[in-house]
N, C-alpha and C. Protein backbone atom coordinates (compact mmCIF):
# COMPACT_ATOMS: atom_id res chain seq x y z
N MET A 1 13.79 22.14 11.44
CA MET A 1 12.84 21.08 11.02
C MET A 1 14.38 20.31 10.72
N THR A 2 15.88 20.64 10.00
CA THR A 2 17.01 20.66 9.82
C THR A 2 17.30 19.24 10.81
N ASP A 3 17.61 19.91 11.94
CA ASP A 3 18.09 20.38 13.85
C ASP A 3 17.28 18.89 13.62
N PHE A 4 16.05 18.34 13.85
CA PHE A 4 14.88 17.15 14.05
C PHE A 4 15.35 16.82 13.32
N ILE A 5 15.14 16.60 11.71
CA ILE A 5 15.87 15.32 11.13
C ILE A 5 16.65 15.12 11.83
N LEU A 6 18.89 14.79 11.58
CA LEU A 6 19.42 15.21 12.01
C LEU A 6 19.37 14.65 13.25
N TRP A 7 18.70 15.13 14.43
CA TRP A 7 18.83 14.03 15.21
C TRP A 7 17.72 12.97 15.89
N LEU A 8 16.28 13.50 14.31
CA LEU A 8 16.24 11.58 14.35
C LEU A 8 16.86 10.80 13.42
N GLN A 9 18.44 11.04 12.87
CA GLN A 9 18.72 10.06 12.80
C GLN A 9 19.66 9.99 13.11
N VAL A 10 20.32 10.77 14.33
CA VAL A 10 21.00 10.09 15.15
C VAL A 10 20.56 9.14 15.67
N PHE A 11 19.18 9.22 16.70
CA PHE A 11 18.60 8.41 17.50
C PHE A 11 18.64 7.32 17.32
N LEU A 12 17.25 7.13 15.53
CA LEU A 12 16.74 5.59 15.03
C LEU A 12 18.59 5.13 15.26
N PHE A 13 20.19 6.32 14.33
CA PHE A 13 21.28 4.81 14.21
C PHE A 13 21.89 4.48 14.81
N ASN A 14 21.66 5.28 16.81
CA ASN A 14 21.46 4.48 18.00
C ASN A 14 20.94 2.78 18.21
N TYR A 15 20.06 3.55 18.07
CA TYR A 15 18.74 2.69 18.32
C TYR A 15 17.84 1.62 16.96
N PRO A 16 19.72 0.42 16.49
CA PRO A 16 18.99 0.32 14.78
C PRO A 16 17.10 -0.91 15.43
N VAL A 17 17.59 -1.62 16.28
CA VAL A 17 16.05 -2.15 16.88
C VAL A 17 14.55 -1.57 16.47
N LEU A 18 14.75 -0.19 16.67
CA LEU A 18 13.75 1.23 16.05
C LEU A 18 13.39 0.90 15.14
N GLN A 19 14.71 1.04 14.01
CA GLN A 19 14.46 1.67 12.32
C GLN A 19 13.58 -0.03 12.06
N TYR A 20 13.79 -0.95 12.31
CA TYR A 20 13.49 -2.18 11.00
C TYR A 20 11.92 -2.32 11.96
N LEU A 21 11.71 -1.32 12.90
CA LEU A 21 10.85 -1.66 13.81
C LEU A 21 9.47 -0.76 13.08
N MET A 22 9.79 0.58 13.25
CA MET A 22 9.33 1.50 12.43
C MET A 22 8.64 1.12 10.76
N ILE A 23 9.79 0.12 9.92
CA ILE A 23 9.28 -0.06 8.66
C ILE A 23 8.58 -1.06 9.29
N PHE A 24 9.09 -2.10 9.24
CA PHE A 24 7.96 -3.49 9.86
C PHE A 24 6.11 -3.09 9.74
N LEU A 25 6.23 -2.60 10.99
CA LEU A 25 4.54 -1.37 11.15
C LEU A 25 4.23 -0.97 10.00
N GLY A 26 5.29 0.16 9.47
CA GLY A 26 4.87 1.02 8.60
C GLY A 26 4.07 0.12 7.02
N ALA A 27 4.94 -0.65 6.53
CA ALA A 27 4.56 -1.36 5.78
C ALA A 27 3.42 -2.28 6.11
N ALA A 28 3.61 -2.78 7.15
CA ALA A 28 1.91 -3.66 7.56
C ALA A 28 1.10 -3.65 7.34
N PHE A 29 0.92 -1.61 8.36
CA PHE A 29 -0.37 -1.40 8.91
C PHE A 29 -1.03 0.03 8.23
N GLY A 30 0.29 0.82 7.04
CA GLY A 30 0.27 1.48 6.71
C GLY A 30 0.66 2.32 5.77
N GLY A 31 -0.06 1.74 4.76
CA GLY A 31 -0.34 1.75 3.63
C GLY A 31 0.67 1.91 3.05
N GLU A 32 0.37 3.17 1.49
CA GLU A 32 1.17 3.69 -0.22
C GLU A 32 1.85 4.68 1.41
N VAL A 33 1.65 5.84 2.03
CA VAL A 33 1.49 6.71 2.13
C VAL A 33 2.40 6.91 3.14
N ALA A 34 2.60 5.59 3.86
CA ALA A 34 3.54 5.33 5.04
C ALA A 34 5.04 4.53 4.61
N MET A 35 4.40 4.09 3.13
CA MET A 35 5.48 3.29 2.58
C MET A 35 6.64 4.05 1.73
N ILE A 36 5.62 5.35 1.04
CA ILE A 36 5.95 6.44 0.57
C ILE A 36 7.49 7.50 1.32
N THR A 37 6.80 7.59 2.75
CA THR A 37 7.04 8.60 3.44
C THR A 37 8.57 7.13 3.90
N LEU A 38 8.71 6.48 4.24
CA LEU A 38 9.90 5.77 4.84
C LEU A 38 11.04 5.63 3.27
N SER A 39 10.21 5.01 2.65
CA SER A 39 11.15 5.70 1.36
C SER A 39 11.94 7.04 1.24
N PHE A 40 10.92 7.65 1.82
CA PHE A 40 11.82 10.02 1.74
C PHE A 40 13.16 9.52 2.70
N LEU A 41 12.92 8.71 3.94
CA LEU A 41 13.96 9.17 4.71
C LEU A 41 14.99 8.09 4.92
N ALA A 42 14.32 7.13 3.97
CA ALA A 42 15.91 6.23 3.10
C ALA A 42 17.20 7.23 2.14
N ALA A 43 16.04 7.50 1.78
CA ALA A 43 16.84 8.49 0.37
C ALA A 43 18.19 9.30 1.70
N GLN A 44 16.87 9.57 3.07
CA GLN A 44 17.89 11.25 4.14
C GLN A 44 18.35 10.49 4.42
N GLY A 45 19.30 9.26 4.10
CA GLY A 45 20.04 8.03 5.24
C GLY A 45 19.43 8.04 7.01
N PHE A 46 18.42 7.74 6.36
CA PHE A 46 18.28 6.49 8.08
C PHE A 46 17.16 5.29 7.86
N PHE A 47 18.52 4.53 6.36
CA PHE A 47 17.73 3.32 6.17
C PHE A 47 18.55 2.24 5.89
N PRO A 48 20.01 1.83 5.51
CA PRO A 48 20.01 1.05 4.44
C PRO A 48 18.69 0.85 3.21
N LEU A 49 18.97 1.37 2.47
CA LEU A 49 17.94 0.84 0.72
C LEU A 49 17.90 -0.72 1.32
N PRO A 50 18.68 -1.59 1.40
CA PRO A 50 18.58 -3.49 0.59
C PRO A 50 17.64 -3.51 1.92
N SER A 51 18.01 -3.26 3.70
CA SER A 51 17.53 -4.21 4.57
C SER A 51 16.64 -2.84 4.64
N PHE A 52 15.87 -2.08 3.73
CA PHE A 52 14.28 -1.01 4.07
C PHE A 52 14.02 -2.14 3.64
N PHE A 53 14.29 -2.43 2.16
CA PHE A 53 12.72 -2.68 0.99
C PHE A 53 12.71 -4.22 1.60
N LEU A 54 13.53 -5.37 2.25
CA LEU A 54 12.93 -6.38 2.98
C LEU A 54 12.58 -6.45 3.70
N VAL A 55 12.59 -5.76 4.64
CA VAL A 55 12.10 -5.23 6.15
C VAL A 55 10.69 -4.75 6.09
N SER A 56 10.43 -4.22 4.61
CA SER A 56 9.47 -3.35 4.23
C SER A 56 8.51 -5.03 3.70
N PHE A 57 9.63 -5.85 2.80
CA PHE A 57 8.40 -7.09 2.26
C PHE A 57 7.63 -7.72 2.84
N LEU A 58 8.93 -7.80 4.28
CA LEU A 58 8.15 -9.04 5.24
C LEU A 58 7.39 -8.74 5.71
N GLY A 59 6.94 -7.22 6.34
CA GLY A 59 6.36 -6.89 6.79
C GLY A 59 5.07 -6.81 6.59
N THR A 60 4.89 -5.88 4.85
CA THR A 60 3.60 -6.64 4.02
C THR A 60 3.35 -7.93 4.41
N LEU A 61 3.58 -8.67 3.60
CA LEU A 61 3.88 -10.09 3.19
C LEU A 61 2.83 -10.88 5.02
N SER A 62 4.13 -10.02 6.24
CA SER A 62 3.19 -10.40 7.65
C SER A 62 1.69 -10.37 7.64
N SER A 63 0.91 -9.18 7.13
CA SER A 63 0.16 -8.33 7.32
C SER A 63 -1.25 -8.41 6.61
N ASP A 64 -0.63 -8.86 5.19
CA ASP A 64 -1.74 -9.76 4.37
C ASP A 64 -2.20 -11.03 4.66
N VAL A 65 -1.00 -11.62 5.47
CA VAL A 65 -1.14 -13.47 6.49
C VAL A 65 -2.38 -12.97 7.22
N LEU A 66 -2.05 -12.13 7.72
CA LEU A 66 -2.89 -12.00 9.01
C LEU A 66 -4.14 -12.00 8.29
N TRP A 67 -4.19 -10.84 6.98
CA TRP A 67 -6.21 -10.34 6.68
C TRP A 67 -6.27 -11.80 6.27
N PHE A 68 -5.64 -12.71 5.35
CA PHE A 68 -5.84 -13.60 5.07
C PHE A 68 -6.79 -14.60 6.09
N VAL A 69 -6.02 -15.05 6.82
CA VAL A 69 -6.84 -16.08 8.11
C VAL A 69 -6.88 -15.72 8.67
N LEU A 70 -7.64 -14.40 8.89
CA LEU A 70 -8.96 -13.79 9.16
C LEU A 70 -9.82 -13.74 8.21
N GLY A 71 -9.68 -13.91 6.62
CA GLY A 71 -10.60 -14.19 6.51
C GLY A 71 -10.91 -15.31 5.88
N ARG A 72 -10.97 -15.93 7.31
CA ARG A 72 -11.60 -17.84 7.04
C ARG A 72 -12.12 -17.33 8.61
N THR A 73 -12.72 -16.68 9.46
CA THR A 73 -13.29 -16.50 10.81
C THR A 73 -14.77 -15.64 10.41
N LYS A 74 -15.51 -15.54 11.94
CA LYS A 74 -16.33 -15.80 12.02
C LYS A 74 -17.38 -14.12 11.26
N THR A 75 -15.89 -13.46 11.73
CA THR A 75 -15.26 -11.81 11.66
C THR A 75 -15.78 -11.83 10.76
N ALA A 76 -14.76 -11.80 9.26
CA ALA A 76 -14.95 -12.47 9.05
C ALA A 76 -16.07 -11.79 7.42
N ASP A 77 -17.62 -12.54 7.68
CA ASP A 77 -18.59 -13.17 7.56
C ASP A 77 -19.34 -11.44 8.40
N LYS A 78 -18.88 -11.26 9.20
CA LYS A 78 -19.93 -10.02 9.48
C LYS A 78 -18.70 -8.92 8.45
N ILE A 79 -17.93 -8.41 8.70
CA ILE A 79 -17.41 -7.43 8.04
C ILE A 79 -18.46 -7.24 6.85
N PHE A 80 -18.89 -8.64 5.64
CA PHE A 80 -18.79 -8.57 4.89
C PHE A 80 -20.35 -8.71 3.81
N ASN A 81 -21.71 -9.19 5.50
CA ASN A 81 -23.05 -8.77 5.29
C ASN A 81 -23.03 -7.35 6.30
N HIS A 82 -21.91 -6.45 6.78
CA HIS A 82 -22.15 -5.72 6.90
C HIS A 82 -23.25 -4.69 6.17
N ARG A 83 -23.86 -3.74 5.66
CA ARG A 83 -24.79 -3.35 4.80
C ARG A 83 -24.05 -1.78 5.00
N TYR A 84 -23.22 -1.39 5.25
CA TYR A 84 -22.48 -0.04 5.16
C TYR A 84 -22.06 -0.96 3.89
N ALA A 85 -21.42 -1.50 4.10
CA ALA A 85 -19.82 -2.40 4.04
C ALA A 85 -19.80 -2.85 2.02
N ILE A 86 -21.18 -3.91 2.12
CA ILE A 86 -21.29 -4.57 0.93
C ILE A 86 -21.51 -4.12 -0.14
N ALA A 87 -22.69 -3.28 0.62
CA ALA A 87 -22.69 -2.47 -1.67
C ALA A 87 -20.81 -2.04 -2.01
N THR A 88 -20.06 -1.68 -1.35
CA THR A 88 -18.66 -1.32 -1.49
C THR A 88 -17.62 -2.35 -2.76
N ILE A 89 -18.96 -3.24 -1.11
CA ILE A 89 -17.53 -4.15 -1.90
C ILE A 89 -17.04 -4.84 -2.90
N LEU A 90 -18.73 -5.68 -2.78
CA LEU A 90 -19.39 -6.14 -3.99
C LEU A 90 -19.15 -5.40 -5.09
N LEU A 91 -18.85 -4.08 -4.39
CA LEU A 91 -18.48 -3.41 -6.70
C LEU A 91 -17.36 -3.81 -7.06
N ILE A 92 -16.48 -3.33 -5.87
CA ILE A 92 -14.90 -3.24 -6.21
C ILE A 92 -14.07 -4.10 -6.21
N THR A 93 -15.19 -5.55 -5.68
CA THR A 93 -14.61 -6.91 -6.08
C THR A 93 -14.90 -7.63 -7.75
N GLU A 94 -15.90 -6.91 -8.05
CA GLU A 94 -17.35 -7.67 -9.65
C GLU A 94 -15.72 -6.32 -10.50
N ALA A 95 -15.36 -5.73 -10.32
CA ALA A 95 -14.16 -4.45 -10.69
C ALA A 95 -13.31 -5.24 -11.22
N ILE A 96 -12.54 -5.11 -10.61
CA ILE A 96 -11.15 -6.42 -9.79
C ILE A 96 -11.02 -8.14 -11.04
N ARG A 97 -12.10 -8.75 -11.05
CA ARG A 97 -12.16 -9.44 -10.98
C ARG A 97 -12.99 -9.59 -12.62
N LYS A 98 -13.22 -8.12 -13.39
CA LYS A 98 -13.80 -8.07 -14.85
C LYS A 98 -12.04 -8.19 -15.22
N ILE A 99 -11.49 -6.58 -14.99
CA ILE A 99 -10.34 -6.27 -15.21
C ILE A 99 -9.18 -7.60 -14.87
N SER A 100 -9.30 -7.84 -13.95
CA SER A 100 -7.89 -8.66 -13.50
C SER A 100 -8.00 -10.79 -14.78
N ARG A 101 -9.32 -10.79 -14.88
CA ARG A 101 -10.17 -11.93 -15.78
C ARG A 101 -9.81 -12.94 -14.68
N GLY A 102 -10.46 -12.99 -14.28
CA GLY A 102 -10.60 -14.12 -12.06
C GLY A 102 -8.88 -14.34 -11.71
N ASN A 103 -7.76 -13.52 -12.40
CA ASN A 103 -6.55 -14.06 -11.56
C ASN A 103 -6.16 -13.93 -10.30
N HIS A 104 -5.75 -14.72 -10.14
CA HIS A 104 -6.00 -13.63 -7.87
C HIS A 104 -4.04 -13.07 -8.06
N LEU A 105 -3.45 -13.01 -8.88
CA LEU A 105 -2.31 -12.42 -8.92
C LEU A 105 -2.19 -10.79 -9.52
N PHE A 106 -3.33 -10.26 -10.29
CA PHE A 106 -3.27 -9.61 -10.86
C PHE A 106 -5.17 -8.93 -10.26
N ALA A 107 -5.76 -9.47 -9.96
CA ALA A 107 -6.35 -9.15 -8.46
C ALA A 107 -5.69 -7.95 -7.72
N LEU A 108 -4.95 -9.21 -6.91
CA LEU A 108 -3.75 -8.05 -6.26
C LEU A 108 -2.83 -7.03 -6.35
N ILE A 109 -2.27 -7.74 -7.63
CA ILE A 109 -1.43 -5.70 -7.22
C ILE A 109 -2.62 -5.11 -7.43
N PHE A 110 -3.62 -5.03 -8.52
CA PHE A 110 -4.69 -4.50 -9.12
C PHE A 110 -4.92 -3.58 -6.59
N ALA A 111 -5.58 -4.02 -6.48
CA ALA A 111 -6.53 -4.28 -4.75
C ALA A 111 -5.33 -3.39 -3.98
N LYS A 112 -3.30 -3.24 -4.20
CA LYS A 112 -2.98 -2.59 -3.38
C LYS A 112 -3.03 -1.50 -4.25
N PHE A 113 -3.28 -0.67 -5.25
CA PHE A 113 -2.92 0.41 -5.52
C PHE A 113 -4.05 0.93 -4.89
N LEU A 114 -5.08 0.42 -5.04
CA LEU A 114 -6.45 0.95 -4.70
C LEU A 114 -7.44 1.38 -2.78
N ILE A 115 -7.25 3.41 -3.02
CA ILE A 115 -7.05 3.01 -1.61
C ILE A 115 -8.05 2.49 -0.91
N GLY A 116 -7.87 1.42 0.82
CA GLY A 116 -8.77 0.28 1.06
C GLY A 116 -9.87 -0.19 0.68
N THR A 117 -8.38 -1.11 -0.08
CA THR A 117 -9.18 -2.25 -1.50
C THR A 117 -8.12 -2.97 -0.64
N ARG A 118 -6.71 -3.06 -0.35
CA ARG A 118 -5.72 -4.21 -0.21
C ARG A 118 -6.54 -5.60 0.37
N VAL A 119 -6.91 -5.18 1.93
CA VAL A 119 -7.21 -5.81 3.26
C VAL A 119 -8.88 -6.69 3.39
N VAL A 120 -9.36 -5.92 1.71
CA VAL A 120 -10.70 -5.91 1.73
C VAL A 120 -10.62 -7.04 0.64
N LEU A 121 -10.26 -6.69 -0.50
CA LEU A 121 -9.78 -8.20 -0.98
C LEU A 121 -9.10 -9.53 -0.29
N ILE A 122 -7.94 -9.39 0.00
CA ILE A 122 -7.68 -10.41 0.64
C ILE A 122 -8.21 -10.52 1.76
N LEU A 123 -9.52 -10.62 2.68
CA LEU A 123 -10.78 -11.29 2.97
C LEU A 123 -11.57 -11.58 1.99
N TYR A 124 -11.66 -11.45 0.87
CA TYR A 124 -12.53 -11.43 -0.23
C TYR A 124 -11.59 -13.03 -0.78
N VAL A 125 -10.84 -12.77 -1.28
CA VAL A 125 -9.53 -14.16 -2.46
C VAL A 125 -9.78 -15.16 -0.51
N SER A 126 -9.45 -15.35 0.45
CA SER A 126 -10.00 -16.10 1.64
C SER A 126 -10.80 -16.80 1.72
N LYS A 127 -11.61 -16.36 1.32
CA LYS A 127 -13.26 -16.94 1.19
C LYS A 127 -13.02 -16.75 0.12
N THR A 128 -13.08 -17.00 -0.92
CA THR A 128 -12.62 -18.52 -2.06
C THR A 128 -12.16 -19.29 -1.96
N ARG A 129 -12.10 -19.37 -1.09
CA ARG A 129 -11.08 -21.19 -0.77
C ARG A 129 -9.98 -20.93 -1.42
N ILE A 130 -8.63 -20.31 -1.51
CA ILE A 130 -7.88 -20.86 -1.95
C ILE A 130 -6.69 -21.15 -1.91
N ALA A 131 -6.22 -22.43 -2.19
CA ALA A 131 -5.24 -22.86 -1.13
C ALA A 131 -3.64 -21.31 -0.56
N PHE A 132 -3.29 -21.95 0.45
CA PHE A 132 -2.93 -20.64 1.41
C PHE A 132 -1.16 -21.28 -0.02
N LYS A 133 -0.87 -21.36 -0.18
CA LYS A 133 0.38 -21.78 -0.53
C LYS A 133 0.61 -21.51 -2.01
N ASN A 134 -0.87 -21.44 -2.28
CA ASN A 134 -0.74 -20.28 -4.08
C ASN A 134 -1.20 -19.15 -3.78
N PHE A 135 -1.52 -18.67 -2.14
CA PHE A 135 -1.89 -17.46 -2.04
C PHE A 135 -0.44 -16.77 -2.24
N ILE A 136 -0.23 -17.53 -0.97
CA ILE A 136 1.26 -16.90 -0.86
C ILE A 136 2.12 -16.72 -1.36
N PHE A 137 1.62 -17.32 -3.20
CA PHE A 137 3.80 -16.95 -4.15
C PHE A 137 2.51 -15.50 -5.13
N ASP A 138 1.91 -15.92 -4.55
CA ASP A 138 0.49 -14.42 -5.70
C ASP A 138 1.13 -13.31 -4.94
N ASP A 139 0.55 -13.31 -3.90
CA ASP A 139 0.79 -12.08 -2.82
C ASP A 139 2.49 -11.60 -2.67
N MET A 140 2.54 -12.33 -2.47
CA MET A 140 4.84 -11.88 -2.05
C MET A 140 5.04 -11.06 -4.14
N LEU A 141 4.60 -12.22 -5.82
CA LEU A 141 4.80 -10.91 -6.24
C LEU A 141 4.30 -10.15 -6.19
N ALA A 142 2.79 -9.80 -5.95
CA ALA A 142 2.07 -8.41 -5.88
C ALA A 142 2.97 -7.28 -5.04
N ILE A 143 3.54 -8.03 -4.43
CA ILE A 143 4.84 -7.52 -3.52
C ILE A 143 5.32 -6.89 -4.27
N LEU A 144 6.18 -7.48 -4.65
CA LEU A 144 6.95 -7.11 -5.18
C LEU A 144 6.88 -5.60 -6.40
N VAL A 145 5.53 -6.28 -6.75
CA VAL A 145 5.77 -5.07 -7.93
C VAL A 145 4.75 -3.90 -6.86
N TRP A 146 4.19 -3.61 -6.29
CA TRP A 146 4.10 -2.37 -4.67
C TRP A 146 5.22 -2.06 -4.68
N LEU A 147 6.32 -2.31 -3.96
CA LEU A 147 7.20 -2.11 -3.29
C LEU A 147 8.26 -0.95 -4.74
N LEU A 148 7.77 -2.35 -5.46
CA LEU A 148 8.94 -1.60 -6.72
C LEU A 148 7.98 -0.02 -7.62
N VAL A 149 7.39 0.27 -8.04
CA VAL A 149 6.93 1.71 -7.45
C VAL A 149 7.41 2.52 -6.75
N LEU A 150 6.67 1.60 -4.65
CA LEU A 150 6.27 3.54 -4.08
C LEU A 150 7.57 2.93 -3.72
N VAL A 151 8.94 2.54 -4.00
CA VAL A 151 10.12 2.60 -3.31
C VAL A 151 10.86 3.97 -4.03
N PRO A 152 11.12 3.47 -4.65
CA PRO A 152 11.52 4.68 -6.04
C PRO A 152 10.84 5.82 -5.56
N ILE A 153 9.48 6.04 -5.58
CA ILE A 153 8.76 7.83 -5.53
C ILE A 153 9.27 8.06 -4.62
N GLY A 154 9.03 7.76 -3.17
CA GLY A 154 9.66 8.05 -2.15
C GLY A 154 11.46 8.15 -2.31
N PHE A 155 11.74 7.53 -3.00
CA PHE A 155 13.56 7.60 -2.71
C PHE A 155 13.30 8.63 -3.32
N LEU A 156 12.75 8.51 -4.32
CA LEU A 156 14.10 9.83 -5.69
C LEU A 156 13.64 11.89 -5.02
N SER A 157 11.73 10.73 -4.17
CA SER A 157 11.46 12.54 -3.29
C SER A 157 12.00 12.42 -2.63
N GLY A 158 13.07 11.84 -2.36
CA GLY A 158 14.19 12.61 -1.12
C GLY A 158 14.87 13.04 -1.13
N LEU A 159 15.35 12.36 -2.45
CA LEU A 159 16.86 13.36 -3.16
C LEU A 159 15.98 14.48 -3.55
N GLY A 160 14.56 14.80 -4.57
CA GLY A 160 14.40 15.58 -5.19
C GLY A 160 14.59 16.99 -3.92
N PHE A 161 14.00 16.40 -2.97
CA PHE A 161 14.05 18.03 -1.20
C PHE A 161 14.86 17.94 -1.42
N THR A 162 16.10 17.68 -1.01
CA THR A 162 17.75 17.58 -0.71
C THR A 162 18.12 17.61 -1.56
N PHE A 163 17.69 18.11 -2.93
CA PHE A 163 18.46 19.08 -4.25
C PHE A 163 17.50 20.22 -4.05
N ILE A 164 16.47 20.36 -4.21
CA ILE A 164 15.21 21.34 -4.18
C ILE A 164 15.69 22.37 -2.86
N SER A 165 15.88 21.54 -2.17
CA SER A 165 16.25 22.48 -0.58
C SER A 165 17.56 23.28 -0.23
N GLY A 166 18.32 22.03 -1.53
CA GLY A 166 20.13 23.27 -1.65
C GLY A 166 19.88 24.16 -2.55
N ILE A 167 19.70 24.22 -3.81
CA ILE A 167 19.24 24.51 -4.96
C ILE A 167 18.78 25.84 -4.05
N LEU A 168 17.54 26.39 -3.37
CA LEU A 168 16.78 26.43 -3.49
C LEU A 168 17.41 27.85 -1.50
N GLN A 169 17.87 27.13 -1.77
CA GLN A 169 18.06 27.15 0.08
C GLN A 169 17.25 27.62 1.04
N ASN A 170 16.32 26.46 0.48
CA ASN A 170 14.89 26.84 1.55
C ASN A 170 15.06 25.75 1.70
N ILE A 171 14.54 24.91 2.50
CA ILE A 171 13.88 23.65 3.02
C ILE A 171 12.63 23.55 2.50
N TYR A 172 11.83 24.82 3.07
CA TYR A 172 10.88 24.99 3.08
C TYR A 172 9.31 24.38 1.41
N ALA A 173 10.66 24.90 0.21
CA ALA A 173 9.77 24.67 -1.01
C ALA A 173 10.43 23.04 -1.61
N GLY A 174 11.61 22.35 -0.53
CA GLY A 174 11.24 20.53 -0.30
C GLY A 174 10.67 19.77 0.04
N ILE A 175 9.48 20.99 1.20
CA ILE A 175 8.85 20.00 1.98
C ILE A 175 7.61 20.36 0.91
N GLY A 176 7.36 21.47 -0.11
CA GLY A 176 6.68 21.72 -1.01
C GLY A 176 6.44 20.29 -1.93
N PHE A 177 7.69 20.75 -2.60
CA PHE A 177 7.62 19.39 -3.73
C PHE A 177 7.05 17.88 -2.95
N VAL A 178 7.53 17.24 -1.60
CA VAL A 178 6.69 16.02 -0.66
C VAL A 178 5.76 16.11 -1.37
N ILE A 179 5.14 17.67 -0.30
CA ILE A 179 3.97 16.85 -0.57
C ILE A 179 2.98 17.01 -2.01
N LEU A 180 3.32 17.58 -2.56
CA LEU A 180 3.21 18.00 -4.24
C LEU A 180 2.58 15.84 -4.61
N ILE A 181 3.89 15.68 -4.46
CA ILE A 181 4.22 14.62 -4.73
C ILE A 181 3.19 13.74 -4.03
N LEU A 182 2.94 13.65 -2.72
CA LEU A 182 1.94 12.82 -1.88
C LEU A 182 0.91 13.29 -2.27
N PHE A 183 0.80 14.01 -2.83
CA PHE A 183 -0.79 14.24 -3.01
C PHE A 183 -1.66 14.33 -4.65
N LEU A 184 -0.75 13.82 -5.14
CA LEU A 184 -0.50 13.64 -6.88
C LEU A 184 -0.50 11.83 -6.68
N PHE A 185 -0.12 11.39 -5.76
CA PHE A 185 0.32 9.79 -5.78
C PHE A 185 -1.83 9.89 -4.81
N VAL A 186 -2.07 10.20 -4.28
CA VAL A 186 -3.63 10.27 -3.94
C VAL A 186 -3.99 10.88 -4.82
N MET A 187 -4.25 11.54 -5.53
CA MET A 187 -5.77 11.21 -6.02
C MET A 187 -5.38 10.70 -7.18
N LEU A 188 -4.43 10.35 -7.51
CA LEU A 188 -4.82 8.59 -8.85
C LEU A 188 -4.79 7.66 -8.22
N GLN A 189 -4.17 7.80 -6.73
CA GLN A 189 -5.67 6.64 -6.23
C GLN A 189 -7.11 6.75 -5.74
N MET A 190 -7.72 7.86 -5.58
CA MET A 190 -8.65 7.91 -5.53
C MET A 190 -9.07 7.69 -6.99
N TRP A 191 -8.50 8.15 -8.46
CA TRP A 191 -9.31 8.04 -9.21
C TRP A 191 -9.55 6.93 -9.01
N LEU A 192 -8.56 5.87 -9.44
CA LEU A 192 -8.52 4.49 -10.31
C LEU A 192 -9.40 3.92 -8.98
N LYS A 193 -9.90 4.52 -7.62
CA LYS A 193 -11.05 4.06 -6.74
C LYS A 193 -12.85 4.01 -7.98
N ARG A 194 -12.49 4.83 -8.23
CA ARG A 194 -13.62 5.30 -8.59
C ARG A 194 -13.94 5.16 -9.72
N TYR A 195 -12.60 4.86 -10.68
CA TYR A 195 -12.79 4.80 -11.83
C TYR A 195 -13.41 2.37 -11.70
N PHE A 196 -13.09 2.13 -10.85
CA PHE A 196 -13.36 0.30 -10.34
C PHE A 196 -14.57 0.26 -9.77
N THR A 197 -14.87 1.05 -8.94
CA THR A 197 -16.97 1.76 -8.54
C THR A 197 -17.25 1.70 -9.20
N ARG A 198 -17.13 2.63 -10.71
CA ARG A 198 -17.92 2.30 -12.03
C ARG A 198 -18.18 1.20 -12.53
N GLU A 199 -17.01 0.84 -12.69
CA GLU A 199 -17.21 -1.17 -13.25
C GLU A 199 -17.89 -1.51 -12.75
N GLY A 200 -17.76 -1.09 -11.25
CA GLY A 200 -18.83 -2.29 -10.73
C GLY A 200 -20.20 -2.05 -11.35
N GLU A 201 -20.35 -0.86 -10.24
CA GLU A 201 -21.56 -0.73 -10.69
C GLU A 201 -22.65 -1.16 -12.92
N GLU A 202 -21.45 -0.27 -13.35
CA GLU A 202 -22.13 -1.33 -14.25
C GLU A 202 -22.19 -3.27 -14.68
N ILE A 203 -20.88 -3.99 -14.33
CA ILE A 203 -20.88 -4.84 -13.63
C ILE A 203 -21.90 -5.00 -13.70
N LEU A 204 -22.12 -5.16 -12.37
CA LEU A 204 -23.96 -5.44 -11.47
C LEU A 204 -25.50 -5.02 -11.65
N GLU A 205 -24.85 -4.16 -12.73
CA GLU A 205 -25.86 -3.06 -13.72
C GLU A 205 -26.86 -4.13 -15.05
N LYS A 206 -25.58 -4.51 -15.57
CA LYS A 206 -25.56 -5.51 -16.13
C LYS A 206 -26.41 -6.89 -16.23
N LYS A 207 -26.28 -7.98 -14.62
CA LYS A 207 -26.08 -8.59 -13.97
C LYS A 207 -27.84 -8.77 -13.92
N ASN A 208 -28.06 -8.06 -13.40
CA ASN A 208 -29.01 -7.95 -13.10
C ASN A 208 -30.61 -7.85 -14.34
N VAL A 209 -30.05 -7.16 -15.61
CA VAL A 209 -30.79 -7.11 -16.49
C VAL A 209 -30.75 -7.52 -16.93
N ILE A 210 -29.73 -9.05 -16.68
CA ILE A 210 -30.15 -10.63 -17.93
C ILE A 210 -30.95 -11.21 -16.21
């Protein structure tokens, strides 16, 4: 395992373009687990932290802009009107709208920490006809908050991996530590999504009663 890490580190060092391509695509389409994993690699010396943070920011922003633009196409209409998707979309968007009190910035921040809702909410926000410049401003702030949470989790996990592996003289103990961190984070995301879904159900029930 250590030999593979060293080989990958040397390989990426020799091909810096691949470093930034990996970061950009991981941030754009990989989600939270990918960002934590890349932050872990940054702690292992694979990427310089400042450039890693900047490229991650640009990658995430680029994908969000892509989804925002797609949200104003007929393809997005088909997604929203699909019988298997519309119920979940309504539940989550209603809950986020209530908790964020209609604030697009807070809504985008909430959505970035929920499994499978980031793209859906951006498509939804796009359908509200918000001005592109307003979306960009709110989204940049939301991405900054998102990265300031995820990058330290992954980076500290990487430092913890090195520390535990060194103290116990067992690399698998370090791997177990990292897997535990990822497991706890995913469980937290799943709990948050269930919470928002339940909130959405209650809101829709009240509307139906009225």
